[in-house]
Amino acid sequence: MRKKRVLIIDDDSRNIFALNATLRARSFDCMSCTNAQDALDLLKTDEEVDAILIDMMMPEMDGYEAIPRIKNIEKRVNTPIFAVTAQAMVGDREKCLQAGATEYISKPVDVDRLLQLLSGV
């Protein structure tokens, strides 16, 4: 049985490092992109991706723009996308879900909550 593969999209390498270390310690395989365009290019390939963690606040193309683009890639329509954001105000979760995210998790990331979300992929 192969490990579940998670794509982390975040412009902050410290966030990528922390998520990568956390998930690898729990037997996930991780890949990362530091911007949404690189992620879109990767997701158009046949690369195995079981779930996506995307930072909602990135320069150039943020998660709100990237999620619908990801969902428009035929082979990624059913890939779970989890919005990861420091924005935790009233309505932010709904805004992420309206953009097409499967679910929302705020920073700092609650590891137990993240693992619960990823357990269904």
C-alpha atoms as a PDB file:
ATOM      1  CA  MET A   1       0.000   0.000   0.000  1.00  0.00           C
ATOM      2  CA  ARG A   2       1.497   3.311  -1.042  1.00  0.00           C
ATOM      3  CA  LYS A   3       1.719   6.352   1.179  1.00  0.00           C
ATOM      4  CA  LYS A   4      -0.857   9.102   0.663  1.00  0.00           C
ATOM      5  CA  ARG A   5       0.707  11.989  -1.234  1.00  0.00           C
ATOM      6  CA  VAL A   6       0.027  15.579  -0.211  1.00  0.00           C
ATOM      7  CA  LEU A   7       0.885  18.670  -2.264  1.00  0.00           C
ATOM      8  CA  ILE A   8       1.686  21.698  -0.100  1.00  0.00           C
ATOM      9  CA  ILE A   9       1.295  25.064  -1.836  1.00  0.00           C
ATOM     10  CA  ASP A  10       2.673  27.943   0.242  1.00  0.00           C
ATOM     11  CA  ASP A  11       4.919  30.921  -0.503  1.00  0.00           C
ATOM     12  CA  ASP A  12       6.598  30.663   2.922  1.00  0.00           C
ATOM     13  CA  SER A  13       9.273  27.966   3.011  1.00  0.00           C
ATOM     14  CA  ARG A  14       9.017  27.786   6.823  1.00  0.00           C
ATOM     15  CA  ASN A  15       5.380  26.713   6.556  1.00  0.00           C
ATOM     16  CA  ILE A  16       6.282  24.129   3.920  1.00  0.00           C
ATOM     17  CA  PHE A  17       9.084  22.809   6.130  1.00  0.00           C
ATOM     18  CA  ALA A  18       6.815  22.498   9.193  1.00  0.00           C
ATOM     19  CA  LEU A  19       3.939  20.835   7.328  1.00  0.00           C
ATOM     20  CA  ASN A  20       6.314  18.539   5.453  1.00  0.00           C
ATOM     21  CA  ALA A  21       8.054  17.409   8.657  1.00  0.00           C
ATOM     22  CA  THR A  22       4.754  16.886  10.462  1.00  0.00           C
ATOM     23  CA  LEU A  23       3.173  14.875   7.657  1.00  0.00           C
ATOM     24  CA  ARG A  24       6.242  12.790   6.833  1.00  0.00           C
ATOM     25  CA  ALA A  25       6.480  11.804  10.509  1.00  0.00           C
ATOM     26  CA  ARG A  26       2.973  10.414  10.114  1.00  0.00           C
ATOM     27  CA  SER A  27       3.740   8.404   6.967  1.00  0.00           C
ATOM     28  CA  PHE A  28       2.547  10.850   4.317  1.00  0.00           C
ATOM     29  CA  ASP A  29       4.578  11.552   1.202  1.00  0.00           C
ATOM     30  CA  CYS A  30       4.830  15.293   0.501  1.00  0.00           C
ATOM     31  CA  MET A  31       5.600  17.545  -2.430  1.00  0.00           C
ATOM     32  CA  SER A  32       5.591  21.331  -2.417  1.00  0.00           C
ATOM     33  CA  CYS A  33       5.305  24.384  -4.615  1.00  0.00           C
ATOM     34  CA  THR A  34       6.040  27.944  -3.522  1.00  0.00           C
ATOM     35  CA  ASN A  35       3.468  29.505  -5.846  1.00  0.00           C
ATOM     36  CA  ALA A  36       0.127  28.623  -7.340  1.00  0.00           C
ATOM     37  CA  GLN A  37       1.256  28.679 -10.974  1.00  0.00           C
ATOM     38  CA  ASP A  38       3.917  26.023 -10.373  1.00  0.00           C
ATOM     39  CA  ALA A  39       1.284  23.953  -8.563  1.00  0.00           C
ATOM     40  CA  LEU A  40      -1.137  24.269 -11.481  1.00  0.00           C
ATOM     41  CA  ASP A  41       1.591  23.169 -13.892  1.00  0.00           C
ATOM     42  CA  LEU A  42       2.369  20.148 -11.694  1.00  0.00           C
ATOM     43  CA  LEU A  43      -1.306  19.251 -11.278  1.00  0.00           C
ATOM     44  CA  LYS A  44      -1.768  19.143 -15.063  1.00  0.00           C
ATOM     45  CA  THR A  45       0.681  16.223 -15.168  1.00  0.00           C
ATOM     46  CA  ASP A  46       0.019  12.615 -14.166  1.00  0.00           C
ATOM     47  CA  GLU A  47       1.749  13.154 -10.801  1.00  0.00           C
ATOM     48  CA  GLU A  48      -0.012  11.252  -7.983  1.00  0.00           C
ATOM     49  CA  VAL A  49      -1.652  13.723  -5.573  1.00  0.00           C
ATOM     50  CA  ASP A  50      -4.171  12.538  -2.989  1.00  0.00           C
ATOM     51  CA  ALA A  51      -4.776  15.884  -1.274  1.00  0.00           C
ATOM     52  CA  ILE A  52      -3.750  19.528  -1.543  1.00  0.00           C
ATOM     53  CA  LEU A  53      -2.954  21.979   1.255  1.00  0.00           C
ATOM     54  CA  ILE A  54      -3.032  25.530  -0.099  1.00  0.00           C
ATOM     55  CA  ASP A  55      -2.168  28.811   1.570  1.00  0.00           C
ATOM     56  CA  MET A  56      -4.906  31.295   0.758  1.00  0.00           C
ATOM     57  CA  MET A  57      -2.750  34.427   0.938  1.00  0.00           C
ATOM     58  CA  MET A  58       0.039  34.282  -1.642  1.00  0.00           C
ATOM     59  CA  PRO A  59       1.408  36.941  -3.990  1.00  0.00           C
ATOM     60  CA  GLU A  60       0.555  36.873  -7.699  1.00  0.00           C
ATOM     61  CA  MET A  61      -2.159  34.183  -7.469  1.00  0.00           C
ATOM     62  CA  ASP A  62      -3.804  33.516  -4.128  1.00  0.00           C
ATOM     63  CA  GLY A  63      -5.717  30.426  -3.079  1.00  0.00           C
ATOM     64  CA  TYR A  64      -9.061  32.009  -3.897  1.00  0.00           C
ATOM     65  CA  GLU A  65      -8.014  32.261  -7.547  1.00  0.00           C
ATOM     66  CA  ALA A  66      -6.029  29.012  -7.645  1.00  0.00           C
ATOM     67  CA  ILE A  67      -8.657  26.640  -6.193  1.00  0.00           C
ATOM     68  CA  PRO A  68     -11.196  27.112  -9.017  1.00  0.00           C
ATOM     69  CA  ARG A  69      -8.361  26.693 -11.532  1.00  0.00           C
ATOM     70  CA  ILE A  70      -7.326  23.437  -9.862  1.00  0.00           C
ATOM     71  CA  LYS A  71     -10.938  22.233  -9.915  1.00  0.00           C
ATOM     72  CA  ASN A  72     -11.023  22.956 -13.671  1.00  0.00           C
ATOM     73  CA  ILE A  73      -8.251  20.414 -14.278  1.00  0.00           C
ATOM     74  CA  GLU A  74     -10.205  17.320 -15.300  1.00  0.00           C
ATOM     75  CA  LYS A  75      -8.161  14.781 -13.340  1.00  0.00           C
ATOM     76  CA  ARG A  76      -8.181  16.999 -10.192  1.00  0.00           C
ATOM     77  CA  VAL A  77     -11.933  17.646  -9.903  1.00  0.00           C
ATOM     78  CA  ASN A  78     -12.273  15.217  -6.975  1.00  0.00           C
ATOM     79  CA  THR A  79      -8.937  15.899  -5.285  1.00  0.00           C
ATOM     80  CA  PRO A  80      -9.569  17.254  -1.769  1.00  0.00           C
ATOM     81  CA  ILE A  81      -8.254  20.791  -1.330  1.00  0.00           C
ATOM     82  CA  PHE A  82      -7.725  22.090   2.192  1.00  0.00           C
ATOM     83  CA  ALA A  83      -7.404  25.851   2.610  1.00  0.00           C
ATOM     84  CA  VAL A  84      -4.708  26.736   5.143  1.00  0.00           C
ATOM     85  CA  THR A  85      -4.778  30.350   6.241  1.00  0.00           C
ATOM     86  CA  ALA A  86      -3.848  32.712   9.039  1.00  0.00           C
ATOM     87  CA  GLN A  87      -7.173  34.444   8.475  1.00  0.00           C
ATOM     88  CA  ALA A  88      -9.542  33.177  11.124  1.00  0.00           C
ATOM     89  CA  MET A  89     -12.209  35.864  11.105  1.00  0.00           C
ATOM     90  CA  VAL A  90     -15.934  35.253  10.920  1.00  0.00           C
ATOM     91  CA  GLY A  91     -16.789  34.357   7.330  1.00  0.00           C
ATOM     92  CA  ASP A  92     -13.272  33.289   6.252  1.00  0.00           C
ATOM     93  CA  ARG A  93     -14.162  29.586   6.325  1.00  0.00           C
ATOM     94  CA  GLU A  94     -17.227  30.218   4.179  1.00  0.00           C
ATOM     95  CA  LYS A  95     -15.173  32.299   1.735  1.00  0.00           C
ATOM     96  CA  CYS A  96     -12.689  29.418   1.355  1.00  0.00           C
ATOM     97  CA  LEU A  97     -15.480  26.892   0.822  1.00  0.00           C
ATOM     98  CA  GLN A  98     -17.140  29.164  -1.744  1.00  0.00           C
ATOM     99  CA  ALA A  99     -13.851  29.249  -3.658  1.00  0.00           C
ATOM    100  CA  GLY A 100     -14.076  25.453  -3.866  1.00  0.00           C
ATOM    101  CA  ALA A 101     -12.019  24.268  -0.897  1.00  0.00           C
ATOM    102  CA  THR A 102     -13.060  20.958   0.612  1.00  0.00           C
ATOM    103  CA  GLU A 103     -12.401  22.296   4.099  1.00  0.00           C
ATOM    104  CA  TYR A 104     -10.552  25.045   5.943  1.00  0.00           C
ATOM    105  CA  ILE A 105      -7.894  24.971   8.659  1.00  0.00           C
ATOM    106  CA  SER A 106      -6.412  28.038  10.326  1.00  0.00           C
ATOM    107  CA  LYS A 107      -2.783  28.762  11.171  1.00  0.00           C
ATOM    108  CA  PRO A 108      -1.138  27.886  13.421  1.00  0.00           C
ATOM    109  CA  VAL A 109      -2.198  24.465  12.197  1.00  0.00           C
ATOM    110  CA  ASP A 110      -3.812  22.136  14.714  1.00  0.00           C
ATOM    111  CA  VAL A 111      -2.006  18.896  13.794  1.00  0.00           C
ATOM    112  CA  ASP A 112      -4.766  16.657  15.142  1.00  0.00           C
ATOM    113  CA  ARG A 113      -7.358  18.532  13.071  1.00  0.00           C
ATOM    114  CA  LEU A 114      -5.144  18.346   9.975  1.00  0.00           C
ATOM    115  CA  LEU A 115      -4.663  14.603  10.392  1.00  0.00           C
ATOM    116  CA  GLN A 116      -8.418  14.194  10.869  1.00  0.00           C
ATOM    117  CA  LEU A 117      -9.043  16.025   7.580  1.00  0.00           C
ATOM    118  CA  LEU A 118      -6.420  13.965   5.758  1.00  0.00           C
ATOM    119  CA  SER A 119      -7.668  10.665   7.176  1.00  0.00           C
ATOM    120  CA  GLY A 120     -10.499  10.664   4.669  1.00  0.00           C
ATOM    121  CA  VAL A 121      -8.303  10.933   1.560  1.00  0.00           C
END
